[in-house]
Amino acid sequence: QVQLVESGGGLVQAGGSLRLSCAASGRFFSINVMGWYRQAPGKQRELVASITRGGSTNYADSVKGRFTISRDNAQNTVYLQMNSLKPEDTAVYYCNGREAPVFGSRNYWGQGTQVTVSS
């Protein structure tokens, strides 16, 4: 089992920055890909960014050049640095961890953290 706990959300003005953190405990060694997803009211949950254990990253087109995902394997923590925030970035942000196939490919989710960007 893996437990994920997000922190760092809040209220910020458009153009501002926030840094989200996701602390993992448990079988973190089994996790290959870590990601951040978001869900705005009335919309489906969408991938924002992901990073593999080796450091390869992937971003949604809407956040490229503004958001940066990183991970500290020694600290079992994943970060999402969000710059130049826009009102449309307002959503609940969820941390996700996906196990490598050899460990069962289970998906783990955090409880979510609210990000609100005011115009």
PDB file of N, CA and C in Angstrom:
ATOM      1  N   GLN A   1       0.832  -1.196   0.000  1.00  0.00           N
ATOM      2  CA  GLN A   1       0.000   0.000   0.000  1.00  0.00           C
ATOM      3  C   GLN A   1       0.869   1.249   0.000  1.00  0.00           C
ATOM      4  N   VAL A   2       0.340   2.279  -0.636  1.00  0.00           N
ATOM      5  CA  VAL A   2       1.014   3.571  -0.680  1.00  0.00           C
ATOM      6  C   VAL A   2       0.019   4.634  -0.242  1.00  0.00           C
ATOM      7  N   GLN A   3       0.439   5.536   0.597  1.00  0.00           N
ATOM      8  CA  GLN A   3      -0.400   6.646   1.023  1.00  0.00           C
ATOM      9  C   GLN A   3       0.208   7.938   0.470  1.00  0.00           C
ATOM     10  N   LEU A   4      -0.663   8.782  -0.065  1.00  0.00           N
ATOM     11  CA  LEU A   4      -0.230  10.043  -0.660  1.00  0.00           C
ATOM     12  C   LEU A   4      -0.949  11.190   0.025  1.00  0.00           C
ATOM     13  N   VAL A   5      -0.193  12.205   0.413  1.00  0.00           N
ATOM     14  CA  VAL A   5      -0.775  13.365   1.087  1.00  0.00           C
ATOM     15  C   VAL A   5      -0.290  14.630   0.400  1.00  0.00           C
ATOM     16  N   GLU A   6      -1.252  15.391  -0.135  1.00  0.00           N
ATOM     17  CA  GLU A   6      -0.914  16.634  -0.826  1.00  0.00           C
ATOM     18  C   GLU A   6      -0.935  17.809   0.146  1.00  0.00           C
ATOM     19  N   SER A   7      -0.190  18.838  -0.210  1.00  0.00           N
ATOM     20  CA  SER A   7      -0.215  20.096   0.523  1.00  0.00           C
ATOM     21  C   SER A   7       0.214  21.213  -0.410  1.00  0.00           C
ATOM     22  N   GLY A   8      -0.074  22.448  -0.005  1.00  0.00           N
ATOM     23  CA  GLY A   8       0.409  23.593  -0.760  1.00  0.00           C
ATOM     24  C   GLY A   8      -0.641  24.334  -1.556  1.00  0.00           C
ATOM     25  N   GLY A   9      -1.863  23.846  -1.582  1.00  0.00           N
ATOM     26  CA  GLY A   9      -2.903  24.569  -2.302  1.00  0.00           C
ATOM     27  C   GLY A   9      -3.285  25.854  -1.591  1.00  0.00           C
ATOM     28  N   GLY A  10      -4.129  26.635  -2.245  1.00  0.00           N
ATOM     29  CA  GLY A  10      -4.579  27.873  -1.640  1.00  0.00           C
ATOM     30  C   GLY A  10      -5.174  28.811  -2.655  1.00  0.00           C
ATOM     31  N   LEU A  11      -5.315  30.061  -2.242  1.00  0.00           N
ATOM     32  CA  LEU A  11      -5.874  31.122  -3.081  1.00  0.00           C
ATOM     33  C   LEU A  11      -4.748  32.034  -3.541  1.00  0.00           C
ATOM     34  N   VAL A  12      -4.712  32.301  -4.833  1.00  0.00           N
ATOM     35  CA  VAL A  12      -3.666  33.166  -5.387  1.00  0.00           C
ATOM     36  C   VAL A  12      -4.268  33.997  -6.509  1.00  0.00           C
ATOM     37  N   GLN A  13      -3.693  35.166  -6.723  1.00  0.00           N
ATOM     38  CA  GLN A  13      -4.153  36.006  -7.826  1.00  0.00           C
ATOM     39  C   GLN A  13      -3.572  35.524  -9.143  1.00  0.00           C
ATOM     40  N   ALA A  14      -4.258  35.829 -10.211  1.00  0.00           N
ATOM     41  CA  ALA A  14      -3.767  35.487 -11.547  1.00  0.00           C
ATOM     42  C   ALA A  14      -2.356  36.052 -11.724  1.00  0.00           C
ATOM     43  N   GLY A  15      -1.500  35.227 -12.317  1.00  0.00           N
ATOM     44  CA  GLY A  15      -0.109  35.614 -12.492  1.00  0.00           C
ATOM     45  C   GLY A  15       0.794  35.174 -11.365  1.00  0.00           C
ATOM     46  N   GLY A  16       0.204  34.717 -10.286  1.00  0.00           N
ATOM     47  CA  GLY A  16       0.971  34.285  -9.128  1.00  0.00           C
ATOM     48  C   GLY A  16       1.462  32.853  -9.252  1.00  0.00           C
ATOM     49  N   SER A  17       2.074  32.380  -8.177  1.00  0.00           N
ATOM     50  CA  SER A  17       2.671  31.047  -8.162  1.00  0.00           C
ATOM     51  C   SER A  17       2.248  30.281  -6.912  1.00  0.00           C
ATOM     52  N   LEU A  18       2.234  28.968  -7.056  1.00  0.00           N
ATOM     53  CA  LEU A  18       2.036  28.060  -5.937  1.00  0.00           C
ATOM     54  C   LEU A  18       2.905  26.841  -6.172  1.00  0.00           C
ATOM     55  N   ARG A  19       3.285  26.188  -5.071  1.00  0.00           N
ATOM     56  CA  ARG A  19       4.026  24.934  -5.162  1.00  0.00           C
ATOM     57  C   ARG A  19       3.266  23.872  -4.376  1.00  0.00           C
ATOM     58  N   LEU A  20       2.877  22.829  -5.080  1.00  0.00           N
ATOM     59  CA  LEU A  20       2.208  21.708  -4.445  1.00  0.00           C
ATOM     60  C   LEU A  20       3.226  20.628  -4.109  1.00  0.00           C
ATOM     61  N   SER A  21       2.989  19.962  -2.990  1.00  0.00           N
ATOM     62  CA  SER A  21       3.834  18.851  -2.585  1.00  0.00           C
ATOM     63  C   SER A  21       2.972  17.619  -2.372  1.00  0.00           C
ATOM     64  N   CYS A  22       3.550  16.474  -2.644  1.00  0.00           N
ATOM     65  CA  CYS A  22       2.868  15.198  -2.425  1.00  0.00           C
ATOM     66  C   CYS A  22       3.855  14.282  -1.716  1.00  0.00           C
ATOM     67  N   ALA A  23       3.563  14.005  -0.463  1.00  0.00           N
ATOM     68  CA  ALA A  23       4.425  13.136   0.339  1.00  0.00           C
ATOM     69  C   ALA A  23       3.867  11.724   0.328  1.00  0.00           C
ATOM     70  N   ALA A  24       4.727  10.781   0.014  1.00  0.00           N
ATOM     71  CA  ALA A  24       4.312   9.384  -0.073  1.00  0.00           C
ATOM     72  C   ALA A  24       4.894   8.583   1.083  1.00  0.00           C
ATOM     73  N   SER A  25       4.118   7.626   1.527  1.00  0.00           N
ATOM     74  CA  SER A  25       4.599   6.689   2.546  1.00  0.00           C
ATOM     75  C   SER A  25       4.162   5.297   2.140  1.00  0.00           C
ATOM     76  N   GLY A  26       4.788   4.308   2.731  1.00  0.00           N
ATOM     77  CA  GLY A  26       4.475   2.936   2.370  1.00  0.00           C
ATOM     78  C   GLY A  26       5.426   2.430   1.302  1.00  0.00           C
ATOM     79  N   ARG A  27       4.887   1.659   0.382  1.00  0.00           N
ATOM     80  CA  ARG A  27       5.696   1.000  -0.633  1.00  0.00           C
ATOM     81  C   ARG A  27       6.038   1.936  -1.785  1.00  0.00           C
ATOM     82  N   PHE A  28       6.671   3.057  -1.472  1.00  0.00           N
ATOM     83  CA  PHE A  28       6.989   4.024  -2.520  1.00  0.00           C
ATOM     84  C   PHE A  28       7.903   3.433  -3.571  1.00  0.00           C
ATOM     85  N   PHE A  29       8.696   2.432  -3.173  1.00  0.00           N
ATOM     86  CA  PHE A  29       9.623   1.825  -4.124  1.00  0.00           C
ATOM     87  C   PHE A  29       8.882   1.165  -5.280  1.00  0.00           C
ATOM     88  N   SER A  30       7.607   0.820  -5.073  1.00  0.00           N
ATOM     89  CA  SER A  30       6.836   0.160  -6.125  1.00  0.00           C
ATOM     90  C   SER A  30       6.266   1.131  -7.158  1.00  0.00           C
ATOM     91  N   ILE A  31       6.351   2.424  -6.848  1.00  0.00           N
ATOM     92  CA  ILE A  31       5.749   3.424  -7.721  1.00  0.00           C
ATOM     93  C   ILE A  31       6.708   3.792  -8.837  1.00  0.00           C
ATOM     94  N   ASN A  32       6.225   3.697 -10.070  1.00  0.00           N
ATOM     95  CA  ASN A  32       7.047   4.069 -11.210  1.00  0.00           C
ATOM     96  C   ASN A  32       6.726   5.488 -11.685  1.00  0.00           C
ATOM     97  N   VAL A  33       5.451   5.756 -11.892  1.00  0.00           N
ATOM     98  CA  VAL A  33       5.046   7.060 -12.406  1.00  0.00           C
ATOM     99  C   VAL A  33       4.254   7.812 -11.341  1.00  0.00           C
ATOM    100  N   MET A  34       4.651   9.051 -11.118  1.00  0.00           N
ATOM    101  CA  MET A  34       3.899   9.948 -10.237  1.00  0.00           C
ATOM    102  C   MET A  34       3.304  11.046 -11.092  1.00  0.00           C
ATOM    103  N   GLY A  35       2.105  11.464 -10.738  1.00  0.00           N
ATOM    104  CA  GLY A  35       1.478  12.506 -11.542  1.00  0.00           C
ATOM    105  C   GLY A  35       0.595  13.417 -10.723  1.00  0.00           C
ATOM    106  N   TRP A  36       0.286  14.544 -11.318  1.00  0.00           N
ATOM    107  CA  TRP A  36      -0.701  15.467 -10.767  1.00  0.00           C
ATOM    108  C   TRP A  36      -1.870  15.554 -11.736  1.00  0.00           C
ATOM    109  N   TYR A  37      -3.053  15.391 -11.202  1.00  0.00           N
ATOM    110  CA  TYR A  37      -4.290  15.540 -11.951  1.00  0.00           C
ATOM    111  C   TYR A  37      -5.075  16.686 -11.317  1.00  0.00           C
ATOM    112  N   ARG A  38      -6.046  17.196 -12.072  1.00  0.00           N
ATOM    113  CA  ARG A  38      -6.920  18.221 -11.506  1.00  0.00           C
ATOM    114  C   ARG A  38      -8.342  18.008 -12.002  1.00  0.00           C
ATOM    115  N   GLN A  39      -9.262  18.488 -11.184  1.00  0.00           N
ATOM    116  CA  GLN A  39     -10.664  18.388 -11.543  1.00  0.00           C
ATOM    117  C   GLN A  39     -11.369  19.674 -11.149  1.00  0.00           C
ATOM    118  N   ALA A  40     -11.876  20.365 -12.153  1.00  0.00           N
ATOM    119  CA  ALA A  40     -12.645  21.580 -11.936  1.00  0.00           C
ATOM    120  C   ALA A  40     -14.123  21.221 -11.822  1.00  0.00           C
ATOM    121  N   PRO A  41     -14.914  22.058 -11.194  1.00  0.00           N
ATOM    122  CA  PRO A  41     -16.350  21.760 -11.048  1.00  0.00           C
ATOM    123  C   PRO A  41     -17.013  21.501 -12.395  1.00  0.00           C
ATOM    124  N   GLY A  42     -17.736  20.403 -12.483  1.00  0.00           N
ATOM    125  CA  GLY A  42     -18.448  20.079 -13.703  1.00  0.00           C
ATOM    126  C   GLY A  42     -17.600  19.515 -14.820  1.00  0.00           C
ATOM    127  N   LYS A  43     -16.319  19.281 -14.532  1.00  0.00           N
ATOM    128  CA  LYS A  43     -15.422  18.759 -15.569  1.00  0.00           C
ATOM    129  C   LYS A  43     -14.814  17.442 -15.124  1.00  0.00           C
ATOM    130  N   GLN A  44     -14.293  16.715 -16.095  1.00  0.00           N
ATOM    131  CA  GLN A  44     -13.634  15.452 -15.789  1.00  0.00           C
ATOM    132  C   GLN A  44     -12.232  15.706 -15.235  1.00  0.00           C
ATOM    133  N   ARG A  45     -11.765  14.749 -14.475  1.00  0.00           N
ATOM    134  CA  ARG A  45     -10.397  14.835 -13.971  1.00  0.00           C
ATOM    135  C   ARG A  45      -9.434  14.699 -15.146  1.00  0.00           C
ATOM    136  N   GLU A  46      -8.411  15.548 -15.161  1.00  0.00           N
ATOM    137  CA  GLU A  46      -7.465  15.535 -16.274  1.00  0.00           C
ATOM    138  C   GLU A  46      -6.038  15.494 -15.756  1.00  0.00           C
ATOM    139  N   LEU A  47      -5.180  14.905 -16.568  1.00  0.00           N
ATOM    140  CA  LEU A  47      -3.757  14.860 -16.231  1.00  0.00           C
ATOM    141  C   LEU A  47      -3.147  16.235 -16.430  1.00  0.00           C
ATOM    142  N   VAL A  48      -2.397  16.682 -15.448  1.00  0.00           N
ATOM    143  CA  VAL A  48      -1.671  17.940 -15.549  1.00  0.00           C
ATOM    144  C   VAL A  48      -0.214  17.686 -15.916  1.00  0.00           C
ATOM    145  N   ALA A  49       0.421  16.786 -15.184  1.00  0.00           N
ATOM    146  CA  ALA A  49       1.831  16.485 -15.429  1.00  0.00           C
ATOM    147  C   ALA A  49       2.161  15.149 -14.783  1.00  0.00           C
ATOM    148  N   SER A  50       3.160  14.471 -15.336  1.00  0.00           N
ATOM    149  CA  SER A  50       3.606  13.218 -14.765  1.00  0.00           C
ATOM    150  C   SER A  50       5.114  13.122 -14.870  1.00  0.00           C
ATOM    151  N   ILE A  51       5.682  12.260 -14.033  1.00  0.00           N
ATOM    152  CA  ILE A  51       7.131  12.065 -14.039  1.00  0.00           C
ATOM    153  C   ILE A  51       7.425  10.626 -13.667  1.00  0.00           C
ATOM    154  N   THR A  52       8.342  10.019 -14.402  1.00  0.00           N
ATOM    155  CA  THR A  52       8.725   8.649 -14.106  1.00  0.00           C
ATOM    156  C   THR A  52       9.827   8.626 -13.046  1.00  0.00           C
ATOM    157  N   ARG A  53      10.108   7.436 -12.555  1.00  0.00           N
ATOM    158  CA  ARG A  53      11.169   7.311 -11.560  1.00  0.00           C
ATOM    159  C   ARG A  53      12.504   7.792 -12.126  1.00  0.00           C
ATOM    160  N   GLY A  54      12.657   7.607 -13.442  1.00  0.00           N
ATOM    161  CA  GLY A  54      13.891   8.035 -14.080  1.00  0.00           C
ATOM    162  C   GLY A  54      13.952   9.519 -14.402  1.00  0.00           C
ATOM    163  N   GLY A  55      12.814  10.210 -14.211  1.00  0.00           N
ATOM    164  CA  GLY A  55      12.817  11.649 -14.415  1.00  0.00           C
ATOM    165  C   GLY A  55      12.194  12.140 -15.710  1.00  0.00           C
ATOM    166  N   SER A  56      11.671  11.249 -16.526  1.00  0.00           N
ATOM    167  CA  SER A  56      11.003  11.687 -17.752  1.00  0.00           C
ATOM    168  C   SER A  56       9.671  12.332 -17.395  1.00  0.00           C
ATOM    169  N   THR A  57       9.397  13.464 -18.040  1.00  0.00           N
ATOM    170  CA  THR A  57       8.195  14.228 -17.703  1.00  0.00           C
ATOM    171  C   THR A  57       7.237  14.343 -18.879  1.00  0.00           C
ATOM    172  N   ASN A  58       5.997  14.606 -18.546  1.00  0.00           N
ATOM    173  CA  ASN A  58       4.957  14.802 -19.539  1.00  0.00           C
ATOM    174  C   ASN A  58       4.006  15.862 -18.995  1.00  0.00           C
ATOM    175  N   TYR A  59       3.579  16.792 -19.863  1.00  0.00           N
ATOM    176  CA  TYR A  59       2.714  17.885 -19.431  1.00  0.00           C
ATOM    177  C   TYR A  59       1.499  18.026 -20.342  1.00  0.00           C
ATOM    178  N   ALA A  60       0.401  18.445 -19.766  1.00  0.00           N
ATOM    179  CA  ALA A  60      -0.744  18.846 -20.574  1.00  0.00           C
ATOM    180  C   ALA A  60      -0.363  20.110 -21.340  1.00  0.00           C
ATOM    181  N   ASP A  61      -0.896  20.236 -22.536  1.00  0.00           N
ATOM    182  CA  ASP A  61      -0.566  21.406 -23.355  1.00  0.00           C
ATOM    183  C   ASP A  61      -0.917  22.711 -22.637  1.00  0.00           C
ATOM    184  N   SER A  62      -1.961  22.687 -21.859  1.00  0.00           N
ATOM    185  CA  SER A  62      -2.445  23.910 -21.208  1.00  0.00           C
ATOM    186  C   SER A  62      -1.495  24.443 -20.133  1.00  0.00           C
ATOM    187  N   VAL A  63      -0.552  23.605 -19.677  1.00  0.00           N
ATOM    188  CA  VAL A  63       0.339  24.047 -18.600  1.00  0.00           C
ATOM    189  C   VAL A  63       1.804  24.073 -19.018  1.00  0.00           C
ATOM    190  N   LYS A  64       2.100  23.642 -20.227  1.00  0.00           N
ATOM    191  CA  LYS A  64       3.484  23.632 -20.686  1.00  0.00           C
ATOM    192  C   LYS A  64       4.093  25.030 -20.612  1.00  0.00           C
ATOM    193  N   GLY A  65       5.298  25.085 -20.083  1.00  0.00           N
ATOM    194  CA  GLY A  65       5.976  26.364 -19.954  1.00  0.00           C
ATOM    195  C   GLY A  65       5.619  27.124 -18.696  1.00  0.00           C
ATOM    196  N   ARG A  66       4.590  26.680 -17.975  1.00  0.00           N
ATOM    197  CA  ARG A  66       4.175  27.356 -16.745  1.00  0.00           C
ATOM    198  C   ARG A  66       4.353  26.466 -15.509  1.00  0.00           C
ATOM    199  N   PHE A  67       4.117  25.172 -15.664  1.00  0.00           N
ATOM    200  CA  PHE A  67       4.203  24.241 -14.541  1.00  0.00           C
ATOM    201  C   PHE A  67       5.436  23.362 -14.699  1.00  0.00           C
ATOM    202  N   THR A  68       5.998  22.963 -13.566  1.00  0.00           N
ATOM    203  CA  THR A  68       7.134  22.052 -13.566  1.00  0.00           C
ATOM    204  C   THR A  68       6.920  20.985 -12.510  1.00  0.00           C
ATOM    205  N   ILE A  69       7.011  19.730 -12.927  1.00  0.00           N
ATOM    206  CA  ILE A  69       6.901  18.617 -11.999  1.00  0.00           C
ATOM    207  C   ILE A  69       8.300  18.096 -11.688  1.00  0.00           C
ATOM    208  N   SER A  70       8.505  17.721 -10.434  1.00  0.00           N
ATOM    209  CA  SER A  70       9.791  17.154 -10.048  1.00  0.00           C
ATOM    210  C   SER A  70       9.552  16.142  -8.932  1.00  0.00           C
ATOM    211  N   ARG A  71      10.528  15.292  -8.715  1.00  0.00           N
ATOM    212  CA  ARG A  71      10.390  14.305  -7.655  1.00  0.00           C
ATOM    213  C   ARG A  71      11.713  14.131  -6.933  1.00  0.00           C
ATOM    214  N   ASP A  72      11.608  13.861  -5.675  1.00  0.00           N
ATOM    215  CA  ASP A  72      12.758  13.572  -4.839  1.00  0.00           C
ATOM    216  C   ASP A  72      12.569  12.155  -4.326  1.00  0.00           C
ATOM    217  N   ASN A  73      13.208  11.195  -4.975  1.00  0.00           N
ATOM    218  CA  ASN A  73      13.005   9.794  -4.615  1.00  0.00           C
ATOM    219  C   ASN A  73      13.518   9.494  -3.203  1.00  0.00           C
ATOM    220  N   ALA A  74      14.537  10.192  -2.800  1.00  0.00           N
ATOM    221  CA  ALA A  74      15.086   9.965  -1.461  1.00  0.00           C
ATOM    222  C   ALA A  74      14.099  10.422  -0.381  1.00  0.00           C
ATOM    223  N   GLN A  75      13.324  11.483  -0.694  1.00  0.00           N
ATOM    224  CA  GLN A  75      12.362  12.025   0.262  1.00  0.00           C
ATOM    225  C   GLN A  75      10.941  11.526   0.006  1.00  0.00           C
ATOM    226  N   ASN A  76      10.780  10.672  -1.015  1.00  0.00           N
ATOM    227  CA  ASN A  76       9.456  10.144  -1.373  1.00  0.00           C
ATOM    228  C   ASN A  76       8.444  11.275  -1.590  1.00  0.00           C
ATOM    229  N   THR A  77       8.872  12.292  -2.299  1.00  0.00           N
ATOM    230  CA  THR A  77       8.029  13.466  -2.481  1.00  0.00           C
ATOM    231  C   THR A  77       8.029  13.909  -3.941  1.00  0.00           C
ATOM    232  N   VAL A  78       6.871  14.352  -4.387  1.00  0.00           N
ATOM    233  CA  VAL A  78       6.724  14.894  -5.728  1.00  0.00           C
ATOM    234  C   VAL A  78       6.196  16.327  -5.597  1.00  0.00           C
ATOM    235  N   TYR A  79       6.691  17.189  -6.450  1.00  0.00           N
ATOM    236  CA  TYR A  79       6.308  18.596  -6.399  1.00  0.00           C
ATOM    237  C   TYR A  79       5.693  19.042  -7.726  1.00  0.00           C
ATOM    238  N   LEU A  80       4.867  20.049  -7.639  1.00  0.00           N
ATOM    239  CA  LEU A  80       4.362  20.710  -8.834  1.00  0.00           C
ATOM    240  C   LEU A  80       4.500  22.209  -8.614  1.00  0.00           C
ATOM    241  N   GLN A  81       5.455  22.797  -9.307  1.00  0.00           N
ATOM    242  CA  GLN A  81       5.646  24.242  -9.258  1.00  0.00           C
ATOM    243  C   GLN A  81       4.757  24.865 -10.326  1.00  0.00           C
ATOM    244  N   MET A  82       3.871  25.743  -9.890  1.00  0.00           N
ATOM    245  CA  MET A  82       2.906  26.351 -10.802  1.00  0.00           C
ATOM    246  C   MET A  82       3.154  27.853 -10.850  1.00  0.00           C
ATOM    247  N   ASN A  83       3.538  28.337 -12.019  1.00  0.00           N
ATOM    248  CA  ASN A  83       3.797  29.760 -12.219  1.00  0.00           C
ATOM    249  C   ASN A  83       2.801  30.332 -13.219  1.00  0.00           C
ATOM    250  N   SER A  84       2.715  31.632 -13.240  1.00  0.00           N
ATOM    251  CA  SER A  84       1.817  32.333 -14.179  1.00  0.00           C
ATOM    252  C   SER A  84       0.419  31.731 -14.146  1.00  0.00           C
ATOM    253  N   LEU A  85      -0.095  31.562 -12.966  1.00  0.00           N
ATOM    254  CA  LEU A  85      -1.390  30.907 -12.811  1.00  0.00           C
ATOM    255  C   LEU A  85      -2.513  31.737 -13.430  1.00  0.00           C
ATOM    256  N   LYS A  86      -3.487  31.012 -13.964  1.00  0.00           N
ATOM    257  CA  LYS A  86      -4.645  31.610 -14.615  1.00  0.00           C
ATOM    258  C   LYS A  86      -5.914  31.163 -13.892  1.00  0.00           C
ATOM    259  N   PRO A  87      -6.983  31.936 -14.004  1.00  0.00           N
ATOM    260  CA  PRO A  87      -8.235  31.508 -13.363  1.00  0.00           C
ATOM    261  C   PRO A  87      -8.681  30.121 -13.800  1.00  0.00           C
ATOM    262  N   GLU A  88      -8.387  29.752 -15.043  1.00  0.00           N
ATOM    263  CA  GLU A  88      -8.792  28.435 -15.524  1.00  0.00           C
ATOM    264  C   GLU A  88      -7.974  27.298 -14.916  1.00  0.00           C
ATOM    265  N   ASP A  89      -6.954  27.621 -14.135  1.00  0.00           N
ATOM    266  CA  ASP A  89      -6.211  26.598 -13.405  1.00  0.00           C
ATOM    267  C   ASP A  89      -6.922  26.229 -12.098  1.00  0.00           C
ATOM    268  N   THR A  90      -7.965  26.942 -11.763  1.00  0.00           N
ATOM    269  CA  THR A  90      -8.710  26.660 -10.539  1.00  0.00           C
ATOM    270  C   THR A  90      -9.309  25.256 -10.584  1.00  0.00           C
ATOM    271  N   ALA A  91      -8.998  24.469  -9.578  1.00  0.00           N
ATOM    272  CA  ALA A  91      -9.454  23.074  -9.530  1.00  0.00           C
ATOM    273  C   ALA A  91      -8.967  22.438  -8.227  1.00  0.00           C
ATOM    274  N   VAL A  92      -9.457  21.244  -7.979  1.00  0.00           N
ATOM    275  CA  VAL A  92      -8.857  20.405  -6.937  1.00  0.00           C
ATOM    276  C   VAL A  92      -7.748  19.596  -7.612  1.00  0.00           C
ATOM    277  N   TYR A  93      -6.572  19.661  -7.048  1.00  0.00           N
ATOM    278  CA  TYR A  93      -5.416  18.974  -7.596  1.00  0.00           C
ATOM    279  C   TYR A  93      -5.153  17.699  -6.792  1.00  0.00           C
ATOM    280  N   TYR A  94      -4.994  16.597  -7.517  1.00  0.00           N
ATOM    281  CA  TYR A  94      -4.787  15.291  -6.897  1.00  0.00           C
ATOM    282  C   TYR A  94      -3.427  14.727  -7.280  1.00  0.00           C
ATOM    283  N   CYS A  95      -2.766  14.175  -6.310  1.00  0.00           N
ATOM    284  CA  CYS A  95      -1.526  13.453  -6.550  1.00  0.00           C
ATOM    285  C   CYS A  95      -1.866  11.998  -6.875  1.00  0.00           C
ATOM    286  N   ASN A  96      -1.157  11.445  -7.821  1.00  0.00           N
ATOM    287  CA  ASN A  96      -1.387  10.058  -8.242  1.00  0.00           C
ATOM    288  C   ASN A  96      -0.071   9.304  -8.297  1.00  0.00           C
ATOM    289  N   GLY A  97      -0.113   8.056  -7.890  1.00  0.00           N
ATOM    290  CA  GLY A  97       1.042   7.189  -8.020  1.00  0.00           C
ATOM    291  C   GLY A  97       0.621   5.887  -8.670  1.00  0.00           C
ATOM    292  N   ARG A  98       1.366   5.483  -9.669  1.00  0.00           N
ATOM    293  CA  ARG A  98       1.040   4.239 -10.361  1.00  0.00           C
ATOM    294  C   ARG A  98       2.188   3.252 -10.205  1.00  0.00           C
ATOM    295  N   GLU A  99       1.835   2.072  -9.732  1.00  0.00           N
ATOM    296  CA  GLU A  99       2.851   1.051  -9.518  1.00  0.00           C
ATOM    297  C   GLU A  99       3.402   0.525 -10.840  1.00  0.00           C
ATOM    298  N   ALA A 100       4.620   0.090 -10.805  1.00  0.00           N
ATOM    299  CA  ALA A 100       5.195  -0.598 -11.954  1.00  0.00           C
ATOM    300  C   ALA A 100       4.457  -1.923 -12.150  1.00  0.00           C
ATOM    301  N   PRO A 101       4.376  -2.408 -13.388  1.00  0.00           N
ATOM    302  CA  PRO A 101       3.631  -3.651 -13.658  1.00  0.00           C
ATOM    303  C   PRO A 101       4.080  -4.823 -12.794  1.00  0.00           C
ATOM    304  N   VAL A 102       5.353  -4.913 -12.513  1.00  0.00           N
ATOM    305  CA  VAL A 102       5.852  -6.035 -11.728  1.00  0.00           C
ATOM    306  C   VAL A 102       5.273  -6.039 -10.315  1.00  0.00           C
ATOM    307  N   PHE A 103       4.802  -4.892  -9.848  1.00  0.00           N
ATOM    308  CA  PHE A 103       4.219  -4.794  -8.507  1.00  0.00           C
ATOM    309  C   PHE A 103       2.696  -4.791  -8.527  1.00  0.00           C
ATOM    310  N   GLY A 104       2.091  -4.807  -9.722  1.00  0.00           N
ATOM    311  CA  GLY A 104       0.647  -4.923  -9.783  1.00  0.00           C
ATOM    312  C   GLY A 104      -0.080  -3.789 -10.474  1.00  0.00           C
ATOM    313  N   SER A 105       0.628  -2.722 -10.837  1.00  0.00           N
ATOM    314  CA  SER A 105       0.038  -1.613 -11.595  1.00  0.00           C
ATOM    315  C   SER A 105      -1.127  -0.939 -10.883  1.00  0.00           C
ATOM    316  N   ARG A 106      -1.151  -0.981  -9.574  1.00  0.00           N
ATOM    317  CA  ARG A 106      -2.235  -0.295  -8.851  1.00  0.00           C
ATOM    318  C   ARG A 106      -2.054   1.213  -8.923  1.00  0.00           C
ATOM    319  N   ASN A 107      -3.189   1.906  -8.851  1.00  0.00           N
ATOM    320  CA  ASN A 107      -3.200   3.364  -8.816  1.00  0.00           C
ATOM    321  C   ASN A 107      -3.530   3.834  -7.408  1.00  0.00           C
ATOM    322  N   TYR A 108      -2.791   4.813  -6.940  1.00  0.00           N
ATOM    323  CA  TYR A 108      -3.054   5.401  -5.639  1.00  0.00           C
ATOM    324  C   TYR A 108      -3.325   6.894  -5.807  1.00  0.00           C
ATOM    325  N   TRP A 109      -4.233   7.413  -4.974  1.00  0.00           N
ATOM    326  CA  TRP A 109      -4.623   8.820  -5.048  1.00  0.00           C
ATOM    327  C   TRP A 109      -4.519   9.484  -3.683  1.00  0.00           C
ATOM    328  N   GLY A 110      -4.161  10.749  -3.702  1.00  0.00           N
ATOM    329  CA  GLY A 110      -4.236  11.559  -2.507  1.00  0.00           C
ATOM    330  C   GLY A 110      -5.643  12.098  -2.339  1.00  0.00           C
ATOM    331  N   GLN A 111      -5.833  12.858  -1.279  1.00  0.00           N
ATOM    332  CA  GLN A 111      -7.176  13.369  -0.968  1.00  0.00           C
ATOM    333  C   GLN A 111      -7.516  14.643  -1.731  1.00  0.00           C
ATOM    334  N   GLY A 112      -6.528  15.246  -2.340  1.00  0.00           N
ATOM    335  CA  GLY A 112      -6.758  16.458  -3.126  1.00  0.00           C
ATOM    336  C   GLY A 112      -6.494  17.727  -2.344  1.00  0.00           C
ATOM    337  N   THR A 113      -6.073  18.750  -3.073  1.00  0.00           N
ATOM    338  CA  THR A 113      -5.862  20.062  -2.473  1.00  0.00           C
ATOM    339  C   THR A 113      -6.430  21.123  -3.417  1.00  0.00           C
ATOM    340  N   GLN A 114      -7.152  22.070  -2.856  1.00  0.00           N
ATOM    341  CA  GLN A 114      -7.840  23.084  -3.660  1.00  0.00           C
ATOM    342  C   GLN A 114      -6.869  24.182  -4.076  1.00  0.00           C
ATOM    343  N   VAL A 115      -6.904  24.502  -5.358  1.00  0.00           N
ATOM    344  CA  VAL A 115      -6.179  25.650  -5.893  1.00  0.00           C
ATOM    345  C   VAL A 115      -7.204  26.596  -6.505  1.00  0.00           C
ATOM    346  N   THR A 116      -7.214  27.822  -6.045  1.00  0.00           N
ATOM    347  CA  THR A 116      -8.139  28.819  -6.553  1.00  0.00           C
ATOM    348  C   THR A 116      -7.349  30.023  -7.044  1.00  0.00           C
ATOM    349  N   VAL A 117      -7.566  30.378  -8.301  1.00  0.00           N
ATOM    350  CA  VAL A 117      -6.866  31.516  -8.899  1.00  0.00           C
ATOM    351  C   VAL A 117      -7.896  32.599  -9.198  1.00  0.00           C
ATOM    352  N   SER A 118      -7.746  33.739  -8.582  1.00  0.00           N
ATOM    353  CA  SER A 118      -8.685  34.836  -8.783  1.00  0.00           C
ATOM    354  C   SER A 118      -8.199  35.761  -9.893  1.00  0.00           C
ATOM    355  N   SER A 119      -9.150  36.324 -10.594  1.00  0.00           N
ATOM    356  CA  SER A 119      -8.804  37.212 -11.719  1.00  0.00           C
ATOM    357  C   SER A 119      -8.634  38.645 -11.258  1.00  0.00           C
TER     358      SER A 119
END
